[in-house]
Amino acid sequence: MKLYTVSWQNRPLVCLESQPGWLTPLPYETMNHLLMDAPDHRDQVLARAAKGRGEFSLGDVTVLAPIPHPRQDVICLGMNYRAHKAEAEQFDPAAFTRQGQAVYFSKRATACPGPGAPIPGHFDLVDSLDYETELAVVLGRDAKNVAEADAFDYVFGYTIVNDVSARNLQTGHKQWYFGKGLDGFTPMGPCLVTRDEFAQPPALAIRTYVNGELRQDAVTDQLLFSIPHILHELSQGMTLQAGTIIATGTPAGVGMGFDPPKFLKAGDVVRCEIDGIGVLENPVE
């Protein structure tokens, strides 16, 4: 199932794509309310909606981020593809060299741009704006002390996140929160796809184009630290609430990985693709 948050007649709606290109509204105020609903009840609601013929088409609405306002900061994995780890360490060994353990950080995401919405460059602060296409895991129930074998039971679905990054702030402050968390730095979309649509773990082609040039090209099962590892490790010491978004890392090909670097500038268009989920495309302003 594909779930959308859309703007229709100037009001947000949570919808299910019940027929190709046709949306059926769901009885939830926001996607967060859907994710916090009791799983058995939520499954019944979705099953009923899936039988609908749709009330309006995707072409008649503005698609927003599936979770425009996350309940909490997004949890992110750093350097979770081997080739990206190598390019990051080459760009700035002091800032990016890590050994042995998963790198977790938090990304401020009070408002996430959806497809077509601009990425603010913050060029008064940023001289090295970068992109990172990532598979994001969205939890559908609270997770605590999760065994790796049970991890996917807690996953509701998947979406695309562009982990936009200000490299000068990220490396200059020797931590990543400021450089990753500026307003508008978490584009998300176009939809939230339920986990049953994919194998577990999902092995999906992931790509990034900047102004039509292919920059990133990999598969989402190439993670150094898997989704079960992530959910098991993080849930040992904290409760991951329903609605938690975990961005699982980006493959090689980010702007800082080129020689010379290929950072974003105003007017660039970043196109993030993951097969089976769709396209998230945003201009830089």
C-alpha atoms as a PDB file:
ATOM      1  CA  MET A   1       0.000   0.000   0.000  1.00  0.00           C
ATOM      2  CA  LYS A   2       1.087   3.553  -0.714  1.00  0.00           C
ATOM      3  CA  LEU A   3       0.025   6.272   1.717  1.00  0.00           C
ATOM      4  CA  TYR A   4       0.179   9.981   1.008  1.00  0.00           C
ATOM      5  CA  THR A   5      -0.276  13.254   2.792  1.00  0.00           C
ATOM      6  CA  VAL A   6      -1.717  15.718   0.299  1.00  0.00           C
ATOM      7  CA  SER A   7      -3.168  19.183   0.158  1.00  0.00           C
ATOM      8  CA  TRP A   8      -6.650  19.181  -1.390  1.00  0.00           C
ATOM      9  CA  GLN A   9      -8.725  22.356  -1.536  1.00  0.00           C
ATOM     10  CA  ASN A  10      -6.203  23.975   0.829  1.00  0.00           C
ATOM     11  CA  ARG A  11      -6.515  21.339   3.539  1.00  0.00           C
ATOM     12  CA  PRO A  12      -4.211  18.420   4.352  1.00  0.00           C
ATOM     13  CA  LEU A  13      -5.518  14.885   3.976  1.00  0.00           C
ATOM     14  CA  VAL A  14      -4.035  11.478   4.702  1.00  0.00           C
ATOM     15  CA  CYS A  15      -4.880   9.147   1.832  1.00  0.00           C
ATOM     16  CA  LEU A  16      -4.326   5.648   0.513  1.00  0.00           C
ATOM     17  CA  GLU A  17      -3.752   4.978  -3.172  1.00  0.00           C
ATOM     18  CA  SER A  18      -6.616   2.501  -3.561  1.00  0.00           C
ATOM     19  CA  GLN A  19      -6.365   2.358  -7.359  1.00  0.00           C
ATOM     20  CA  PRO A  20      -3.374   3.401  -9.483  1.00  0.00           C
ATOM     21  CA  GLY A  21      -3.373   7.203  -9.418  1.00  0.00           C
ATOM     22  CA  TRP A  22      -6.540   7.428  -7.308  1.00  0.00           C
ATOM     23  CA  LEU A  23      -6.705   8.358  -3.630  1.00  0.00           C
ATOM     24  CA  THR A  24      -9.106   7.378  -0.871  1.00  0.00           C
ATOM     25  CA  PRO A  25      -9.053   9.647   2.224  1.00  0.00           C
ATOM     26  CA  LEU A  26      -8.365   8.011   5.574  1.00  0.00           C
ATOM     27  CA  PRO A  27      -9.969   8.953   8.907  1.00  0.00           C
ATOM     28  CA  TYR A  28      -6.771  10.326  10.440  1.00  0.00           C
ATOM     29  CA  GLU A  29      -5.899  13.969  11.030  1.00  0.00           C
ATOM     30  CA  THR A  30      -2.227  13.378  10.228  1.00  0.00           C
ATOM     31  CA  MET A  31       0.072  10.486   9.319  1.00  0.00           C
ATOM     32  CA  ASN A  32       1.374  10.632  12.892  1.00  0.00           C
ATOM     33  CA  HIS A  33      -2.121   9.792  14.162  1.00  0.00           C
ATOM     34  CA  LEU A  34      -2.271   6.826  11.786  1.00  0.00           C
ATOM     35  CA  LEU A  35       1.113   5.537  12.962  1.00  0.00           C
ATOM     36  CA  MET A  36       0.128   5.895  16.625  1.00  0.00           C
ATOM     37  CA  ASP A  37      -3.157   4.006  16.144  1.00  0.00           C
ATOM     38  CA  ALA A  38      -3.459   0.487  17.529  1.00  0.00           C
ATOM     39  CA  PRO A  39      -2.031  -1.790  14.814  1.00  0.00           C
ATOM     40  CA  ASP A  40      -5.084  -4.084  14.640  1.00  0.00           C
ATOM     41  CA  HIS A  41      -7.487  -1.164  14.239  1.00  0.00           C
ATOM     42  CA  ARG A  42      -5.205   0.569  11.749  1.00  0.00           C
ATOM     43  CA  ASP A  43      -4.994  -2.591   9.643  1.00  0.00           C
ATOM     44  CA  GLN A  44      -8.787  -2.762   9.493  1.00  0.00           C
ATOM     45  CA  VAL A  45      -9.031   0.880   8.401  1.00  0.00           C
ATOM     46  CA  LEU A  46      -6.451   0.379   5.660  1.00  0.00           C
ATOM     47  CA  ALA A  47      -8.037  -2.846   4.445  1.00  0.00           C
ATOM     48  CA  ARG A  48     -11.418  -1.111   4.044  1.00  0.00           C
ATOM     49  CA  ALA A  49      -9.883   1.856   2.255  1.00  0.00           C
ATOM     50  CA  ALA A  50      -7.946  -0.417  -0.103  1.00  0.00           C
ATOM     51  CA  LYS A  51     -11.269  -1.650  -1.508  1.00  0.00           C
ATOM     52  CA  GLY A  52     -12.295   1.883  -2.505  1.00  0.00           C
ATOM     53  CA  ARG A  53     -12.240   3.229  -6.043  1.00  0.00           C
ATOM     54  CA  GLY A  54     -10.707   6.548  -5.006  1.00  0.00           C
ATOM     55  CA  GLU A  55     -12.307   9.967  -4.576  1.00  0.00           C
ATOM     56  CA  PHE A  56      -9.800  12.089  -6.467  1.00  0.00           C
ATOM     57  CA  SER A  57      -6.674  11.616  -8.548  1.00  0.00           C
ATOM     58  CA  LEU A  58      -3.085  12.304  -7.652  1.00  0.00           C
ATOM     59  CA  GLY A  59      -3.094  14.898 -10.420  1.00  0.00           C
ATOM     60  CA  ASP A  60      -5.709  16.951  -8.565  1.00  0.00           C
ATOM     61  CA  VAL A  61      -3.758  17.377  -5.337  1.00  0.00           C
ATOM     62  CA  THR A  62      -0.446  18.742  -4.087  1.00  0.00           C
ATOM     63  CA  VAL A  63       1.643  15.925  -2.655  1.00  0.00           C
ATOM     64  CA  LEU A  64       3.259  16.875   0.652  1.00  0.00           C
ATOM     65  CA  ALA A  65       5.857  14.998   2.665  1.00  0.00           C
ATOM     66  CA  PRO A  66       4.159  11.860   4.012  1.00  0.00           C
ATOM     67  CA  ILE A  67       5.041  13.028   7.538  1.00  0.00           C
ATOM     68  CA  PRO A  68       5.278  16.821   7.172  1.00  0.00           C
ATOM     69  CA  HIS A  69       5.878  17.388  10.892  1.00  0.00           C
ATOM     70  CA  PRO A  70       7.613  14.458  12.611  1.00  0.00           C
ATOM     71  CA  ARG A  71       6.865  13.982  16.302  1.00  0.00           C
ATOM     72  CA  GLN A  72      10.590  13.804  17.053  1.00  0.00           C
ATOM     73  CA  ASP A  73      13.913  14.439  15.387  1.00  0.00           C
ATOM     74  CA  VAL A  74      14.821  11.957  12.669  1.00  0.00           C
ATOM     75  CA  ILE A  75      17.372   9.319  13.717  1.00  0.00           C
ATOM     76  CA  CYS A  76      20.123   8.985  11.113  1.00  0.00           C
ATOM     77  CA  LEU A  77      22.945   6.588  10.317  1.00  0.00           C
ATOM     78  CA  GLY A  78      26.248   8.051   9.216  1.00  0.00           C
ATOM     79  CA  MET A  79      28.583   6.328   6.752  1.00  0.00           C
ATOM     80  CA  ASN A  80      26.456   3.194   6.512  1.00  0.00           C
ATOM     81  CA  TYR A  81      27.530   2.240   2.977  1.00  0.00           C
ATOM     82  CA  ARG A  82      31.168   1.154   2.635  1.00  0.00           C
ATOM     83  CA  ALA A  83      32.011   3.291  -0.412  1.00  0.00           C
ATOM     84  CA  HIS A  84      30.407   6.386   1.128  1.00  0.00           C
ATOM     85  CA  LYS A  85      32.407   5.839   4.320  1.00  0.00           C
ATOM     86  CA  ALA A  86      35.578   5.853   2.204  1.00  0.00           C
ATOM     87  CA  GLU A  87      34.690   9.059   0.334  1.00  0.00           C
ATOM     88  CA  ALA A  88      33.731  10.843   3.568  1.00  0.00           C
ATOM     89  CA  GLU A  89      36.992   9.887   5.258  1.00  0.00           C
ATOM     90  CA  GLN A  90      38.928  11.134   2.250  1.00  0.00           C
ATOM     91  CA  PHE A  91      37.089  14.485   2.321  1.00  0.00           C
ATOM     92  CA  ASP A  92      37.846  15.132   6.024  1.00  0.00           C
ATOM     93  CA  PRO A  93      39.528  12.292   7.972  1.00  0.00           C
ATOM     94  CA  ALA A  94      39.258  14.102  11.309  1.00  0.00           C
ATOM     95  CA  ALA A  95      35.514  14.620  10.989  1.00  0.00           C
ATOM     96  CA  PHE A  96      34.456  11.317   9.441  1.00  0.00           C
ATOM     97  CA  THR A  97      36.814   8.504  10.467  1.00  0.00           C
ATOM     98  CA  ARG A  98      34.951   6.017  12.689  1.00  0.00           C
ATOM     99  CA  GLN A  99      35.784   2.413  13.492  1.00  0.00           C
ATOM    100  CA  GLY A 100      33.647  -0.559  14.415  1.00  0.00           C
ATOM    101  CA  GLN A 101      30.389   0.927  15.650  1.00  0.00           C
ATOM    102  CA  ALA A 102      27.347   2.348  13.904  1.00  0.00           C
ATOM    103  CA  VAL A 103      27.314   6.149  13.750  1.00  0.00           C
ATOM    104  CA  TYR A 104      23.998   7.569  14.967  1.00  0.00           C
ATOM    105  CA  PHE A 105      22.984  11.202  14.974  1.00  0.00           C
ATOM    106  CA  SER A 106      19.807  13.222  15.273  1.00  0.00           C
ATOM    107  CA  LYS A 107      18.431  15.497  12.570  1.00  0.00           C
ATOM    108  CA  ARG A 108      16.111  18.381  13.420  1.00  0.00           C
ATOM    109  CA  ALA A 109      13.072  18.100  11.163  1.00  0.00           C
ATOM    110  CA  THR A 110      10.277  20.344  12.398  1.00  0.00           C
ATOM    111  CA  ALA A 111       8.891  20.769   8.865  1.00  0.00           C
ATOM    112  CA  CYS A 112       9.813  18.477   5.964  1.00  0.00           C
ATOM    113  CA  PRO A 113       9.524  19.735   2.370  1.00  0.00           C
ATOM    114  CA  GLY A 114       7.576  17.448   0.055  1.00  0.00           C
ATOM    115  CA  PRO A 115       8.074  16.741  -3.644  1.00  0.00           C
ATOM    116  CA  GLY A 116       8.626  19.926  -5.623  1.00  0.00           C
ATOM    117  CA  ALA A 117       9.077  22.130  -2.569  1.00  0.00           C
ATOM    118  CA  PRO A 118      12.296  24.152  -2.458  1.00  0.00           C
ATOM    119  CA  ILE A 119      15.347  23.251  -0.412  1.00  0.00           C
ATOM    120  CA  PRO A 120      16.563  26.454   1.273  1.00  0.00           C
ATOM    121  CA  GLY A 121      20.292  26.772   0.707  1.00  0.00           C
ATOM    122  CA  HIS A 122      20.983  28.987   3.731  1.00  0.00           C
ATOM    123  CA  PHE A 123      23.849  30.367   1.681  1.00  0.00           C
ATOM    124  CA  ASP A 124      24.514  33.068   4.261  1.00  0.00           C
ATOM    125  CA  LEU A 125      25.748  30.217   6.493  1.00  0.00           C
ATOM    126  CA  VAL A 126      26.558  27.447   4.046  1.00  0.00           C
ATOM    127  CA  ASP A 127      29.312  27.266   1.420  1.00  0.00           C
ATOM    128  CA  SER A 128      29.181  23.475   0.851  1.00  0.00           C
ATOM    129  CA  LEU A 129      25.573  22.329   0.470  1.00  0.00           C
ATOM    130  CA  ASP A 130      25.257  18.587  -0.156  1.00  0.00           C
ATOM    131  CA  TYR A 131      22.609  15.940  -0.840  1.00  0.00           C
ATOM    132  CA  GLU A 132      22.169  12.384   0.513  1.00  0.00           C
ATOM    133  CA  THR A 133      19.397  10.126  -0.766  1.00  0.00           C
ATOM    134  CA  GLU A 134      18.385   7.617   1.912  1.00  0.00           C
ATOM    135  CA  LEU A 135      15.899   4.843   2.571  1.00  0.00           C
ATOM    136  CA  ALA A 136      13.945   5.846   5.670  1.00  0.00           C
ATOM    137  CA  VAL A 137      12.332   3.282   7.969  1.00  0.00           C
ATOM    138  CA  VAL A 138       9.114   4.372   9.712  1.00  0.00           C
ATOM    139  CA  LEU A 139       7.992   2.508  12.834  1.00  0.00           C
ATOM    140  CA  GLY A 140       4.355   1.564  13.366  1.00  0.00           C
ATOM    141  CA  ARG A 141       4.542   0.567  17.036  1.00  0.00           C
ATOM    142  CA  ASP A 142       6.658   1.335  20.067  1.00  0.00           C
ATOM    143  CA  ALA A 143       9.910  -0.629  20.080  1.00  0.00           C
ATOM    144  CA  LYS A 144      11.836  -1.570  23.232  1.00  0.00           C
ATOM    145  CA  ASN A 145      14.371  -4.386  23.678  1.00  0.00           C
ATOM    146  CA  VAL A 146      13.773  -5.618  20.138  1.00  0.00           C
ATOM    147  CA  ALA A 147      15.409  -8.853  19.040  1.00  0.00           C
ATOM    148  CA  GLU A 148      16.983  -8.718  15.585  1.00  0.00           C
ATOM    149  CA  ALA A 149      14.774 -11.617  14.485  1.00  0.00           C
ATOM    150  CA  ASP A 150      11.654  -9.587  15.338  1.00  0.00           C
ATOM    151  CA  ALA A 151      12.801  -6.209  14.019  1.00  0.00           C
ATOM    152  CA  PHE A 152      10.604  -6.022  10.923  1.00  0.00           C
ATOM    153  CA  ASP A 153       7.493  -6.588  13.059  1.00  0.00           C
ATOM    154  CA  TYR A 154       7.976  -2.994  14.245  1.00  0.00           C
ATOM    155  CA  VAL A 155       8.428  -1.477  10.794  1.00  0.00           C
ATOM    156  CA  PHE A 156       5.302   0.088   9.301  1.00  0.00           C
ATOM    157  CA  GLY A 157       6.881   1.121   6.034  1.00  0.00           C
ATOM    158  CA  TYR A 158       9.476   3.047   4.079  1.00  0.00           C
ATOM    159  CA  THR A 159       9.920   6.409   2.412  1.00  0.00           C
ATOM    160  CA  ILE A 160      12.692   8.512   0.842  1.00  0.00           C
ATOM    161  CA  VAL A 161      14.588  11.167   2.792  1.00  0.00           C
ATOM    162  CA  ASN A 162      17.155  13.584   1.386  1.00  0.00           C
ATOM    163  CA  ASP A 163      19.568  14.187   4.263  1.00  0.00           C
ATOM    164  CA  VAL A 164      20.615  17.648   3.092  1.00  0.00           C
ATOM    165  CA  SER A 165      23.891  18.637   4.731  1.00  0.00           C
ATOM    166  CA  ALA A 166      25.951  21.779   5.238  1.00  0.00           C
ATOM    167  CA  ARG A 167      29.445  20.286   5.147  1.00  0.00           C
ATOM    168  CA  ASN A 168      31.202  23.375   6.489  1.00  0.00           C
ATOM    169  CA  LEU A 169      28.977  23.399   9.589  1.00  0.00           C
ATOM    170  CA  GLN A 170      29.118  19.625   9.946  1.00  0.00           C
ATOM    171  CA  THR A 171      32.914  19.442   9.899  1.00  0.00           C
ATOM    172  CA  GLY A 172      33.597  22.770  11.582  1.00  0.00           C
ATOM    173  CA  HIS A 173      31.590  21.968  14.700  1.00  0.00           C
ATOM    174  CA  LYS A 174      32.968  18.399  14.964  1.00  0.00           C
ATOM    175  CA  GLN A 175      29.422  17.139  15.365  1.00  0.00           C
ATOM    176  CA  TRP A 176      26.631  16.844  12.863  1.00  0.00           C
ATOM    177  CA  TYR A 177      23.470  18.262  14.448  1.00  0.00           C
ATOM    178  CA  PHE A 178      23.802  21.873  13.309  1.00  0.00           C
ATOM    179  CA  GLY A 179      25.034  21.063   9.813  1.00  0.00           C
ATOM    180  CA  LYS A 180      22.224  18.551   9.242  1.00  0.00           C
ATOM    181  CA  GLY A 181      19.337  20.276  10.988  1.00  0.00           C
ATOM    182  CA  LEU A 182      18.782  23.659   9.354  1.00  0.00           C
ATOM    183  CA  ASP A 183      15.227  24.496   8.329  1.00  0.00           C
ATOM    184  CA  GLY A 184      14.137  22.619   5.216  1.00  0.00           C
ATOM    185  CA  PHE A 185      17.035  20.134   5.291  1.00  0.00           C
ATOM    186  CA  THR A 186      14.808  17.021   5.427  1.00  0.00           C
ATOM    187  CA  PRO A 187      12.879  16.683   2.159  1.00  0.00           C
ATOM    188  CA  MET A 188      10.723  13.547   2.304  1.00  0.00           C
ATOM    189  CA  GLY A 189       8.403  11.646  -0.008  1.00  0.00           C
ATOM    190  CA  PRO A 190       6.628  11.103  -2.188  1.00  0.00           C
ATOM    191  CA  CYS A 191       4.760   8.499  -0.134  1.00  0.00           C
ATOM    192  CA  LEU A 192       4.989   5.982   2.669  1.00  0.00           C
ATOM    193  CA  VAL A 193       4.979   2.398   1.367  1.00  0.00           C
ATOM    194  CA  THR A 194       3.963  -0.387   3.737  1.00  0.00           C
ATOM    195  CA  ARG A 195       6.581  -3.022   4.486  1.00  0.00           C
ATOM    196  CA  ASP A 196       4.555  -5.870   2.957  1.00  0.00           C
ATOM    197  CA  GLU A 197       5.304  -4.467  -0.505  1.00  0.00           C
ATOM    198  CA  PHE A 198       8.967  -5.481  -0.231  1.00  0.00           C
ATOM    199  CA  ALA A 199      11.240  -8.301   0.815  1.00  0.00           C
ATOM    200  CA  GLN A 200      12.822  -7.906   4.232  1.00  0.00           C
ATOM    201  CA  PRO A 201      15.357  -6.395   4.111  1.00  0.00           C
ATOM    202  CA  PRO A 202      14.281  -4.356   1.086  1.00  0.00           C
ATOM    203  CA  ALA A 203      16.780  -4.582  -1.774  1.00  0.00           C
ATOM    204  CA  LEU A 204      15.797  -1.536  -3.824  1.00  0.00           C
ATOM    205  CA  ALA A 205      17.760   0.464  -6.371  1.00  0.00           C
ATOM    206  CA  ILE A 206      18.591   3.904  -4.924  1.00  0.00           C
ATOM    207  CA  ARG A 207      19.762   6.789  -7.144  1.00  0.00           C
ATOM    208  CA  THR A 208      20.388  10.525  -7.085  1.00  0.00           C
ATOM    209  CA  TYR A 209      20.493  12.892 -10.037  1.00  0.00           C
ATOM    210  CA  VAL A 210      21.573  16.523  -9.872  1.00  0.00           C
ATOM    211  CA  ASN A 211      20.455  18.524 -12.899  1.00  0.00           C
ATOM    212  CA  GLY A 212      20.022  15.217 -14.734  1.00  0.00           C
ATOM    213  CA  GLU A 213      23.518  13.902 -13.893  1.00  0.00           C
ATOM    214  CA  LEU A 214      23.543  10.533 -12.121  1.00  0.00           C
ATOM    215  CA  ARG A 215      25.494  10.939  -8.880  1.00  0.00           C
ATOM    216  CA  GLN A 216      24.479   8.058  -6.589  1.00  0.00           C
ATOM    217  CA  ASP A 217      23.572   4.530  -7.719  1.00  0.00           C
ATOM    218  CA  ALA A 218      23.374   1.592  -5.292  1.00  0.00           C
ATOM    219  CA  VAL A 219      21.009  -0.920  -3.663  1.00  0.00           C
ATOM    220  CA  THR A 220      19.477  -0.528  -0.213  1.00  0.00           C
ATOM    221  CA  ASP A 221      20.556  -3.953   1.079  1.00  0.00           C
ATOM    222  CA  GLN A 222      24.226  -2.892   0.984  1.00  0.00           C
ATOM    223  CA  LEU A 223      24.100  -1.342   4.469  1.00  0.00           C
ATOM    224  CA  LEU A 224      27.057  -1.937   6.758  1.00  0.00           C
ATOM    225  CA  PHE A 225      24.636  -2.035   9.713  1.00  0.00           C
ATOM    226  CA  SER A 226      21.310  -3.624   8.808  1.00  0.00           C
ATOM    227  CA  ILE A 227      17.820  -2.515   9.759  1.00  0.00           C
ATOM    228  CA  PRO A 228      17.510  -5.363  12.318  1.00  0.00           C
ATOM    229  CA  HIS A 229      20.874  -4.385  13.829  1.00  0.00           C
ATOM    230  CA  ILE A 230      19.799  -0.747  14.084  1.00  0.00           C
ATOM    231  CA  LEU A 231      16.440  -1.489  15.735  1.00  0.00           C
ATOM    232  CA  HIS A 232      17.967  -4.012  18.113  1.00  0.00           C
ATOM    233  CA  GLU A 233      20.848  -1.788  19.168  1.00  0.00           C
ATOM    234  CA  LEU A 234      18.907   1.451  19.631  1.00  0.00           C
ATOM    235  CA  SER A 235      15.967  -0.161  21.425  1.00  0.00           C
ATOM    236  CA  GLN A 236      18.138  -1.659  24.173  1.00  0.00           C
ATOM    237  CA  GLY A 237      18.544   1.691  25.880  1.00  0.00           C
ATOM    238  CA  MET A 238      15.616   3.755  24.627  1.00  0.00           C
ATOM    239  CA  THR A 239      12.032   3.371  23.546  1.00  0.00           C
ATOM    240  CA  LEU A 240      11.562   4.072  19.847  1.00  0.00           C
ATOM    241  CA  GLN A 241       8.023   5.393  19.631  1.00  0.00           C
ATOM    242  CA  ALA A 242       5.538   4.670  16.860  1.00  0.00           C
ATOM    243  CA  GLY A 243       6.173   7.224  14.124  1.00  0.00           C
ATOM    244  CA  THR A 244       9.947   7.205  14.633  1.00  0.00           C
ATOM    245  CA  ILE A 245      11.774   7.852  11.359  1.00  0.00           C
ATOM    246  CA  ILE A 246      15.203   6.277  10.848  1.00  0.00           C
ATOM    247  CA  ALA A 247      17.254   7.354   7.818  1.00  0.00           C
ATOM    248  CA  THR A 248      19.508   4.382   7.137  1.00  0.00           C
ATOM    249  CA  GLY A 249      22.439   6.103   5.437  1.00  0.00           C
ATOM    250  CA  THR A 250      23.462   7.172   1.960  1.00  0.00           C
ATOM    251  CA  PRO A 251      25.586   5.472  -0.716  1.00  0.00           C
ATOM    252  CA  ALA A 252      28.682   6.887  -2.398  1.00  0.00           C
ATOM    253  CA  GLY A 253      28.379   9.770  -4.820  1.00  0.00           C
ATOM    254  CA  VAL A 254      27.576  12.734  -2.589  1.00  0.00           C
ATOM    255  CA  GLY A 255      28.951  16.111  -3.593  1.00  0.00           C
ATOM    256  CA  MET A 256      31.904  16.047  -1.194  1.00  0.00           C
ATOM    257  CA  GLY A 257      33.024  12.722  -2.699  1.00  0.00           C
ATOM    258  CA  PHE A 258      34.104  14.265  -6.019  1.00  0.00           C
ATOM    259  CA  ASP A 259      37.457  15.881  -6.800  1.00  0.00           C
ATOM    260  CA  PRO A 260      36.822  18.749  -6.868  1.00  0.00           C
ATOM    261  CA  PRO A 261      33.609  18.548  -4.795  1.00  0.00           C
ATOM    262  CA  LYS A 262      30.285  19.091  -6.557  1.00  0.00           C
ATOM    263  CA  PHE A 263      28.268  21.017  -4.008  1.00  0.00           C
ATOM    264  CA  LEU A 264      24.760  22.324  -4.645  1.00  0.00           C
ATOM    265  CA  LYS A 265      24.001  25.891  -5.683  1.00  0.00           C
ATOM    266  CA  ALA A 266      20.830  27.902  -6.126  1.00  0.00           C
ATOM    267  CA  GLY A 267      18.829  26.691  -9.111  1.00  0.00           C
ATOM    268  CA  ASP A 268      20.048  23.085  -8.954  1.00  0.00           C
ATOM    269  CA  VAL A 269      17.450  20.311  -8.997  1.00  0.00           C
ATOM    270  CA  VAL A 270      18.019  17.208  -6.859  1.00  0.00           C
ATOM    271  CA  ARG A 271      16.140  14.060  -7.864  1.00  0.00           C
ATOM    272  CA  CYS A 272      16.123  11.197  -5.330  1.00  0.00           C
ATOM    273  CA  GLU A 273      14.767   7.839  -6.490  1.00  0.00           C
ATOM    274  CA  ILE A 274      14.142   4.500  -4.779  1.00  0.00           C
ATOM    275  CA  ASP A 275      12.477   1.821  -6.862  1.00  0.00           C
ATOM    276  CA  GLY A 276       9.077   0.863  -5.497  1.00  0.00           C
ATOM    277  CA  ILE A 277       8.720   4.100  -3.532  1.00  0.00           C
ATOM    278  CA  GLY A 278       9.029   6.744  -6.212  1.00  0.00           C
ATOM    279  CA  VAL A 279      10.716  10.062  -6.893  1.00  0.00           C
ATOM    280  CA  LEU A 280      11.492  12.963  -4.563  1.00  0.00           C
ATOM    281  CA  GLU A 281      12.606  15.963  -6.607  1.00  0.00           C
ATOM    282  CA  ASN A 282      13.363  19.402  -5.157  1.00  0.00           C
ATOM    283  CA  PRO A 283      14.922  22.622  -6.437  1.00  0.00           C
ATOM    284  CA  VAL A 284      17.528  24.476  -4.406  1.00  0.00           C
ATOM    285  CA  GLU A 285      16.861  28.116  -3.664  1.00  0.00           C
END
